[in-house]
N, C-alpha and C. Protein backbone atom coordinates (compact mmCIF):
# COMPACT_ATOMS: atom_id res chain seq x y z
N MET A 1 4.48 139.31 31.64
CA MET A 1 5.72 140.31 31.33
C MET A 1 6.28 141.15 32.22
N LEU A 2 7.73 141.25 32.41
CA LEU A 2 8.39 141.74 33.63
C LEU A 2 7.97 142.91 34.08
N PRO A 3 8.18 143.57 35.12
CA PRO A 3 7.82 144.78 35.90
C PRO A 3 8.70 145.49 34.94
N GLY A 4 8.32 146.83 34.64
CA GLY A 4 9.11 147.90 33.88
C GLY A 4 9.63 147.37 32.76
N ALA A 5 8.93 146.39 31.77
CA ALA A 5 9.29 146.17 30.53
C ALA A 5 8.40 146.82 29.69
N VAL A 6 9.04 146.99 28.62
CA VAL A 6 8.56 147.90 27.33
C VAL A 6 7.18 146.79 26.77
N PRO A 7 6.25 147.01 26.46
CA PRO A 7 5.38 146.42 25.73
C PRO A 7 5.89 146.10 24.32
N PRO A 8 5.38 144.93 23.77
CA PRO A 8 6.09 144.70 22.33
C PRO A 8 5.37 145.30 21.44
N ALA A 9 5.78 145.95 20.39
CA ALA A 9 5.32 146.91 19.25
C ALA A 9 4.00 146.03 18.58
N VAL A 10 4.06 144.67 18.40
CA VAL A 10 2.83 144.34 17.92
C VAL A 10 2.39 143.21 19.24
N PRO A 11 1.12 143.57 19.48
CA PRO A 11 0.52 142.93 20.61
C PRO A 11 0.53 141.34 20.47
N ILE A 12 0.52 140.68 21.33
CA ILE A 12 0.61 139.16 21.51
C ILE A 12 -0.63 138.80 21.68
N PRO A 13 -1.37 137.96 21.05
CA PRO A 13 -2.62 137.19 21.32
C PRO A 13 -2.56 136.57 22.64
N SER A 14 -3.68 136.72 23.31
CA SER A 14 -4.16 136.18 24.59
C SER A 14 -3.67 134.61 24.52
N GLY A 15 -2.90 133.98 25.48
CA GLY A 15 -2.59 132.85 25.50
C GLY A 15 -1.11 132.41 24.77
N LEU A 16 -0.69 133.26 24.03
CA LEU A 16 0.54 133.40 23.65
C LEU A 16 1.74 134.07 24.17
N LEU A 17 2.84 133.32 24.22
CA LEU A 17 3.84 133.95 24.97
C LEU A 17 4.81 134.69 23.96
N SER A 18 5.42 135.80 24.49
CA SER A 18 6.35 136.59 23.60
C SER A 18 7.67 135.58 23.54
N PRO A 19 8.68 135.82 22.75
CA PRO A 19 9.89 134.95 22.63
C PRO A 19 10.64 135.10 24.05
N LEU A 20 10.69 136.22 24.36
CA LEU A 20 11.33 136.48 25.83
C LEU A 20 10.48 135.94 26.93
N ASP A 21 9.56 135.83 26.96
CA ASP A 21 8.66 135.12 28.26
C ASP A 21 8.83 133.68 28.08
N TYR A 22 8.67 133.10 26.77
CA TYR A 22 9.01 131.81 26.71
C TYR A 22 10.57 131.39 27.00
N MET A 23 11.62 132.08 26.76
CA MET A 23 12.84 132.01 27.15
C MET A 23 12.88 132.04 28.57
N LEU A 24 12.17 132.84 29.38
CA LEU A 24 12.01 132.96 30.66
C LEU A 24 11.70 131.84 31.33
N GLN A 25 10.51 131.41 30.85
CA GLN A 25 9.67 130.27 31.24
C GLN A 25 10.33 128.66 31.17
N VAL A 26 11.04 128.81 30.11
CA VAL A 26 12.07 127.58 29.98
C VAL A 26 13.21 127.64 30.89
N LEU A 27 13.75 128.74 30.90
CA LEU A 27 15.03 129.19 31.87
C LEU A 27 14.72 128.76 33.38
N ASN A 28 13.28 129.12 33.82
CA ASN A 28 13.03 128.94 34.93
C ASN A 28 12.14 127.48 35.49
N ASP A 29 12.31 126.71 34.43
CA ASP A 29 11.75 125.32 34.89
C ASP A 29 12.61 124.35 35.22
N PRO A 30 12.79 124.05 36.32
CA PRO A 30 13.82 123.16 36.74
C PRO A 30 13.70 121.68 36.03
N LYS A 31 12.65 121.32 35.59
CA LYS A 31 12.51 119.96 34.95
C LYS A 31 13.08 120.07 33.64
N VAL A 32 13.66 121.22 32.89
CA VAL A 32 14.23 121.41 31.90
C VAL A 32 15.70 120.91 31.78
N GLU A 33 16.26 120.11 30.93
CA GLU A 33 17.57 119.91 30.85
C GLU A 33 18.81 121.12 30.99
N PRO A 34 19.48 120.87 31.73
CA PRO A 34 20.63 122.18 32.16
C PRO A 34 21.03 122.81 30.57
N GLU A 35 21.31 122.09 29.61
CA GLU A 35 21.81 122.42 28.50
C GLU A 35 21.15 123.53 27.67
N ARG A 36 19.71 123.13 27.75
CA ARG A 36 18.76 123.95 27.07
C ARG A 36 18.42 125.37 27.90
N ARG A 37 18.64 125.23 29.33
CA ARG A 37 18.35 126.43 30.02
C ARG A 37 19.64 127.38 29.83
N ASP A 38 20.80 126.71 29.56
CA ASP A 38 21.99 127.25 29.26
C ASP A 38 21.92 128.60 28.14
N ARG A 39 21.21 127.45 27.17
CA ARG A 39 20.80 128.11 25.97
C ARG A 39 19.96 129.53 26.01
N MET A 40 19.01 129.03 26.58
CA MET A 40 17.90 130.10 26.81
C MET A 40 18.65 131.31 27.47
N ALA A 41 19.22 130.89 28.81
CA ALA A 41 20.02 132.11 29.44
C ALA A 41 20.96 132.95 28.42
N GLN A 42 21.86 132.29 27.84
CA GLN A 42 22.36 133.10 26.65
C GLN A 42 21.83 133.93 25.73
N ALA A 43 20.38 133.39 25.41
CA ALA A 43 19.84 134.04 24.36
C ALA A 43 19.04 135.17 25.22
N ALA A 44 18.55 135.18 26.54
CA ALA A 44 17.78 136.25 27.09
C ALA A 44 18.67 137.32 27.61
N ALA A 45 20.22 137.17 27.80
CA ALA A 45 20.85 137.92 28.59
C ALA A 45 20.90 139.20 27.80
N PRO A 46 21.26 139.38 26.42
CA PRO A 46 20.97 140.92 25.92
C PRO A 46 19.86 141.55 26.28
N PHE A 47 18.86 140.92 26.65
CA PHE A 47 17.58 141.65 26.84
C PHE A 47 17.87 142.37 28.44
N PHE A 48 18.54 141.90 29.22
CA PHE A 48 18.74 142.22 30.58
C PHE A 48 20.13 143.13 31.04
N HIS A 49 20.79 142.84 30.04
CA HIS A 49 22.33 143.34 30.71
C HIS A 49 22.74 144.41 29.45
N ALA A 50 22.77 145.64 29.69
CA ALA A 50 23.37 146.62 28.88
C ALA A 50 24.89 146.47 27.97
N ARG A 51 25.00 146.64 27.28
CA ARG A 51 26.32 146.59 26.54
C ARG A 51 27.12 147.81 27.12
N PRO A 52 28.62 147.67 27.03
CA PRO A 52 29.40 148.50 27.38
C PRO A 52 29.35 149.95 26.81
N ALA A 53 29.34 151.01 27.38
CA ALA A 53 29.02 152.51 26.75
C ALA A 53 29.83 152.37 25.58
N ALA A 54 29.35 153.33 24.85
CA ALA A 54 29.94 153.72 23.51
C ALA A 54 31.22 154.19 23.58
N GLY A 55 32.25 153.99 23.05
CA GLY A 55 33.74 154.37 23.17
C GLY A 55 34.39 153.71 24.25
N ALA A 56 33.94 153.16 25.18
CA ALA A 56 34.52 152.47 26.41
C ALA A 56 35.78 151.36 25.58
N GLU A 57 35.49 150.83 24.57
CA GLU A 57 36.54 150.04 23.93
C GLU A 57 36.17 150.30 22.42
N LEU A 58 37.50 150.88 22.01
CA LEU A 58 37.35 151.27 20.34
C LEU A 58 37.95 150.10 19.61
N GLY A 59 37.24 149.84 18.31
CA GLY A 59 37.57 148.99 17.54
C GLY A 59 38.91 149.36 16.83
N LYS A 60 39.31 148.65 15.73
CA LYS A 60 40.67 148.94 15.30
C LYS A 60 40.27 150.01 14.07
N LYS A 61 39.58 150.32 13.40
CA LYS A 61 39.13 151.62 12.75
C LYS A 61 39.17 152.89 13.40
N ASP A 62 38.31 152.81 14.84
CA ASP A 62 38.23 153.98 15.49
C ASP A 62 39.26 154.27 16.31
N ARG A 63 40.38 153.22 16.51
CA ARG A 63 41.67 153.63 16.91
C ARG A 63 42.58 154.33 15.89
N GLN A 64 42.37 153.73 14.87
CA GLN A 64 43.10 154.61 13.82
C GLN A 64 42.69 155.98 13.49
N LYS A 65 41.24 156.32 13.42
CA LYS A 65 40.97 157.19 13.15
C LYS A 65 41.19 158.51 14.54
N GLN A 66 41.37 157.89 15.58
CA GLN A 66 41.59 158.57 16.70
C GLN A 66 42.87 159.07 16.60
N ALA A 67 43.76 157.97 16.35
CA ALA A 67 45.37 158.31 16.33
C ALA A 67 45.61 159.31 14.97
N ALA A 68 45.00 159.42 13.88
CA ALA A 68 45.20 160.67 12.99
C ALA A 68 44.75 161.58 13.31
N HIS A 69 43.57 161.73 14.31
CA HIS A 69 43.08 163.16 14.42
C HIS A 69 44.28 163.78 15.70
N ASP A 70 44.90 162.80 16.39
CA ASP A 70 45.70 163.14 17.11
C ASP A 70 47.04 163.77 16.74
N ARG A 71 47.51 162.76 15.84
CA ARG A 71 48.67 163.71 15.00
C ARG A 71 48.20 165.12 14.27
N ALA A 72 47.23 165.23 13.85
CA ALA A 72 46.92 166.18 12.92
C ALA A 72 46.47 167.55 13.74
N VAL A 73 47.47 167.74 14.67
CA VAL A 73 47.74 168.81 15.61
C VAL A 73 49.30 169.44 15.52
N GLY A 74 49.55 170.86 15.80
CA GLY A 74 50.69 171.35 15.98
C GLY A 74 51.47 171.51 14.80
N LYS A 75 52.56 171.09 14.48
CA LYS A 75 53.41 171.18 13.11
C LYS A 75 52.79 170.27 12.00
N LEU A 76 52.05 169.12 12.56
CA LEU A 76 51.63 168.33 11.51
C LEU A 76 50.28 168.59 11.12
N ALA A 77 49.64 169.83 11.59
CA ALA A 77 48.34 170.24 11.23
C ALA A 77 48.09 170.63 9.82
N PRO A 78 47.15 169.95 9.30
CA PRO A 78 47.01 170.56 7.88
C PRO A 78 46.84 171.95 7.55
N PRO A 79 47.42 172.61 6.54
CA PRO A 79 47.33 174.10 6.46
C PRO A 79 45.63 174.57 6.32
N ALA A 80 45.69 176.02 6.51
CA ALA A 80 44.32 176.49 6.65
C ALA A 80 43.80 176.53 5.08
N PRO A 81 42.90 176.20 4.57
CA PRO A 81 42.25 176.31 3.24
C PRO A 81 42.37 177.82 2.83
N PRO A 82 42.65 177.93 1.39
CA PRO A 82 43.04 179.09 0.89
C PRO A 82 41.62 180.06 1.07
N GLY A 83 42.12 181.54 1.07
CA GLY A 83 40.64 182.46 1.20
C GLY A 83 40.37 182.39 2.63
N THR A 84 40.96 181.96 3.69
CA THR A 84 40.36 181.98 4.98
C THR A 84 41.01 183.21 5.95
N ALA A 85 42.22 183.52 5.37
CA ALA A 85 43.18 184.41 6.03
C ALA A 85 42.46 185.69 5.81
N THR A 86 42.65 186.79 6.89
CA THR A 86 42.05 188.30 6.89
C THR A 86 43.14 189.01 6.49
N LYS A 87 42.89 190.01 5.49
CA LYS A 87 44.20 191.21 5.48
C LYS A 87 44.17 192.10 6.63
N LEU A 88 45.13 192.41 6.95
CA LEU A 88 45.10 193.43 7.76
C LEU A 88 45.81 194.64 7.20
N ASN A 89 44.94 195.86 7.63
CA ASN A 89 45.57 197.09 7.15
C ASN A 89 46.50 197.76 7.71
């Protein structure tokens, strides 16, 4: 297992490799054909490289929601619900 890696939720019996350890073993074996090593690199990459931060790239629905929120200010803001105004004496 890699240094600093989180141990698997289910212990792996002695002599067996975790899927990630297997992928890394194939990836680092110079005798394995390059196409297979490429596939293993693609499969192992998500375990080592974080995804972009949330909100860094909004999807279509998130952009629409944000646009609606931005429009709902000023003159276009929805009116206050009834019963929320206070009576001044």
